[in-house]
Amino acid sequence: MHRKKKYIMTRKTLVLPNGKRLYRIRAIKSMPEIKVYRGDLGGWVEGKHNLSQNGRCWIFGDAKVYDKAVVRDDAYVLDNALVFEQAIIEGNALVMNSAVVCGNAIIAGGTWIEDRALVYGDAMIDGACVQIRGDTIAGSEAQIHKNAYITSNAMLEDYLARHVSALRKNSDKYARSVVRPGVDDDLPFF
């Protein structure tokens, strides 16, 4: 079955400091369930490969998605968020405010990446209720799954994110970090 396109790339362009040319998107199909209506302007993409025509995924405001990055399914990127390199935003994920997702990072499930959080490298963030906020940095091979709330100035790299209890026991080393699993302290993060 052929699905009708939901957006087009307009002639309005934005050139980034690195020389990349981005195009503002415009809805050509109404999606009232996400308050996007035919004619509404969306965010910025480098090409059609950055935002799927399927699902309810959308790029709002001044958010930018470029390089080989992809937003698909029912995921949203909004505000001034940046998604680039080979990052994938999928499922019901939400990247907003001034958050940055790059590298080979995958943001999936019901994950929220917000504020000034940075997710990069081969990080995999996937959960029914994962929120990463503040000036948090999650990178390298960090894996965060299930129910987690990570905020303030947490730095999660390599496999550190797997062991929330270790972070709690050494809280003096991470004094400006707050890591709170959602439902059960014994939930594994892998």
Protein backbone atom coordinates (compact mmCIF):
# COMPACT_ATOMS: atom_id res chain seq x y z
CA MET A 1 0.00 0.00 0.00
CA HIS A 2 1.34 3.44 -0.92
CA ARG A 3 1.11 5.95 1.90
CA LYS A 4 0.61 9.62 1.30
CA LYS A 5 3.55 11.85 2.15
CA LYS A 6 3.18 13.90 5.29
CA TYR A 7 5.77 16.62 4.63
CA ILE A 8 7.86 18.37 2.02
CA MET A 9 11.16 20.19 2.26
CA THR A 10 10.65 23.89 1.60
CA ARG A 11 13.02 26.28 -0.18
CA LYS A 12 13.79 27.99 3.13
CA THR A 13 17.36 27.03 3.99
CA LEU A 14 19.75 27.34 6.87
CA VAL A 15 23.50 26.92 6.45
CA LEU A 16 25.28 25.56 9.50
CA PRO A 17 28.79 26.74 10.47
CA ASN A 18 30.17 23.46 9.05
CA GLY A 19 28.65 24.30 5.64
CA LYS A 20 25.76 21.84 5.80
CA ARG A 21 22.59 23.17 4.18
CA LEU A 22 19.35 22.32 5.99
CA TYR A 23 15.78 22.75 4.74
CA ARG A 24 12.69 23.69 6.74
CA ILE A 25 9.92 21.09 6.50
CA ARG A 26 6.22 21.80 5.94
CA ALA A 27 3.31 19.47 6.70
CA ILE A 28 1.24 18.55 3.66
CA LYS A 29 -1.00 16.26 5.69
CA SER A 30 -2.73 17.02 8.98
CA MET A 31 -1.83 14.94 12.03
CA PRO A 32 -4.22 16.37 14.65
CA GLU A 33 -3.17 13.78 17.25
CA ILE A 34 0.19 15.60 17.49
CA LYS A 35 -1.22 19.07 16.74
CA VAL A 36 0.43 19.33 13.31
CA TYR A 37 -1.82 20.58 10.53
CA ARG A 38 -1.44 20.88 6.79
CA GLY A 39 0.71 23.95 6.07
CA ASP A 40 2.46 24.02 9.47
CA LEU A 41 6.21 24.53 9.38
CA GLY A 42 8.38 22.02 11.17
CA GLY A 43 12.06 21.86 12.00
CA TRP A 44 15.09 21.42 9.77
CA VAL A 45 16.48 18.45 7.81
CA GLU A 46 19.38 17.96 5.46
CA GLY A 47 17.43 15.53 3.29
CA LYS A 48 14.34 13.32 3.05
CA HIS A 49 16.28 10.48 4.66
CA ASN A 50 16.29 12.33 8.01
CA LEU A 51 12.54 12.09 8.72
CA SER A 52 10.37 9.12 7.84
CA GLN A 53 7.15 9.73 5.92
CA ASN A 54 5.60 6.87 7.94
CA GLY A 55 4.28 6.97 11.50
CA ARG A 56 3.64 10.14 13.49
CA CYS A 57 7.28 11.16 13.84
CA TRP A 58 7.91 14.88 13.48
CA ILE A 59 10.55 17.57 13.90
CA PHE A 60 9.18 20.70 15.61
CA GLY A 61 10.40 24.27 16.09
CA ASP A 62 14.05 24.94 15.35
CA ALA A 63 15.20 21.36 15.93
CA LYS A 64 17.74 20.11 13.41
CA VAL A 65 18.32 16.59 12.07
CA TYR A 66 21.11 16.05 9.56
CA ASP A 67 23.94 13.85 8.28
CA LYS A 68 22.68 10.24 8.28
CA ALA A 69 20.55 10.68 11.40
CA VAL A 70 16.99 9.34 11.26
CA VAL A 71 13.75 10.14 13.10
CA ARG A 72 11.08 7.46 12.61
CA ASP A 73 8.05 5.69 14.05
CA ASP A 74 6.28 8.01 16.52
CA ALA A 75 9.38 9.86 17.76
CA TYR A 76 9.65 13.66 18.08
CA VAL A 77 12.54 16.11 18.00
CA LEU A 78 11.67 19.63 19.07
CA ASP A 79 12.73 23.03 20.37
CA ASN A 80 16.44 23.56 19.60
CA ALA A 81 17.50 19.91 19.81
CA LEU A 82 20.21 18.60 17.48
CA VAL A 83 20.36 15.07 16.06
CA PHE A 84 23.19 14.27 13.67
CA GLU A 85 25.83 11.82 12.44
CA GLN A 86 24.26 8.31 12.43
CA ALA A 87 21.94 8.76 15.44
CA ILE A 88 18.53 7.08 15.39
CA ILE A 89 15.48 8.41 17.22
CA GLU A 90 12.64 5.86 17.12
CA GLY A 91 9.69 4.36 18.92
CA ASN A 92 7.97 6.98 21.07
CA ALA A 93 11.22 8.75 21.95
CA LEU A 94 11.35 12.50 22.53
CA VAL A 95 14.44 14.71 22.13
CA MET A 96 13.82 18.31 23.17
CA ASN A 97 15.06 21.62 24.55
CA SER A 98 18.76 21.96 23.70
CA ALA A 99 19.59 18.24 23.88
CA VAL A 100 22.13 16.78 21.46
CA VAL A 101 22.13 13.20 20.16
CA CYS A 102 24.95 12.19 17.83
CA GLY A 103 27.40 9.45 16.88
CA ASN A 104 25.79 6.02 16.58
CA ALA A 105 23.46 6.66 19.52
CA ILE A 106 20.03 5.02 19.47
CA ILE A 107 17.18 6.61 21.43
CA ALA A 108 14.11 4.38 21.51
CA GLY A 109 11.06 3.32 23.48
CA GLY A 110 9.47 6.02 25.62
CA THR A 111 12.79 7.76 26.33
CA TRP A 112 12.93 11.53 26.90
CA ILE A 113 16.23 13.32 26.30
CA GLU A 114 15.91 16.95 27.37
CA ASP A 115 17.48 20.14 28.69
CA ARG A 116 21.17 20.23 27.72
CA ALA A 117 21.74 16.47 27.82
CA LEU A 118 24.31 15.00 25.42
CA VAL A 119 24.02 11.41 24.18
CA TYR A 120 26.78 10.26 21.84
CA GLY A 121 29.00 7.39 20.70
CA ASP A 122 27.40 3.95 20.73
CA ALA A 123 25.00 4.80 23.56
CA MET A 124 21.73 2.84 23.59
CA ILE A 125 18.89 4.46 25.54
CA ASP A 126 15.69 2.42 25.45
CA GLY A 127 12.97 2.23 28.02
CA ALA A 128 9.33 2.54 28.78
CA CYS A 129 10.11 5.39 31.18
CA VAL A 130 13.66 6.72 30.79
CA GLN A 131 14.33 10.44 31.25
CA ILE A 132 17.75 12.04 30.81
CA ARG A 133 17.83 15.71 31.80
CA GLY A 134 20.02 18.60 32.85
CA ASP A 135 23.66 18.63 31.79
CA THR A 136 23.86 14.84 31.70
CA ILE A 137 26.38 13.21 29.36
CA ALA A 138 25.74 9.64 28.24
CA GLY A 139 28.26 8.32 25.80
CA SER A 140 30.72 5.76 24.60
CA GLU A 141 28.94 2.43 25.13
CA ALA A 142 26.46 3.49 27.83
CA GLN A 143 23.32 1.38 27.93
CA ILE A 144 20.26 2.59 29.81
CA HIS A 145 17.08 0.51 29.76
CA LYS A 146 13.81 0.00 31.64
CA ASN A 147 12.79 2.75 34.09
CA ALA A 148 15.41 5.39 34.93
CA TYR A 149 15.50 9.09 35.77
CA ILE A 150 18.93 10.66 35.29
CA THR A 151 19.42 14.35 35.93
CA SER A 152 21.76 17.16 37.03
CA ASN A 153 25.36 16.75 35.88
CA ALA A 154 25.49 12.96 35.66
CA MET A 155 28.18 11.51 33.41
CA LEU A 156 27.45 8.00 32.17
CA GLU A 157 30.08 6.48 29.95
CA ASP A 158 31.13 2.99 28.96
CA TYR A 159 29.09 0.47 30.96
CA LEU A 160 28.67 2.72 34.02
CA ALA A 161 24.96 3.19 33.36
CA ARG A 162 24.27 -0.51 33.99
CA HIS A 163 24.84 -0.26 37.72
CA VAL A 164 22.68 2.36 39.36
CA SER A 165 23.32 0.88 42.78
CA ALA A 166 27.08 1.40 42.32
CA LEU A 167 26.42 5.07 41.62
CA ARG A 168 24.33 5.35 44.76
CA LYS A 169 27.01 3.67 46.94
CA ASN A 170 29.63 6.07 45.60
CA SER A 171 27.40 9.12 45.65
CA ASP A 172 30.19 11.28 47.07
CA LYS A 173 32.09 10.75 43.79
CA TYR A 174 29.00 11.81 41.85
CA ALA A 175 27.77 14.47 44.23
CA ARG A 176 26.08 16.50 41.52
CA SER A 177 24.35 13.45 40.01
CA VAL A 178 20.96 12.01 40.80
CA VAL A 179 20.17 8.60 39.40
CA ARG A 180 16.80 7.17 40.39
CA PRO A 181 15.44 3.93 38.93
CA GLY A 182 11.74 4.20 38.31
CA VAL A 183 10.11 1.24 39.99
CA ASP A 184 12.51 -1.31 41.44
CA ASP A 185 16.10 -0.97 42.68
CA ASP A 186 16.84 -4.45 41.36
CA LEU A 187 15.87 -3.71 37.75
CA PRO A 188 18.79 -4.60 35.49
CA PHE A 189 19.92 -1.98 33.00
CA PHE A 190 20.99 -4.48 30.35
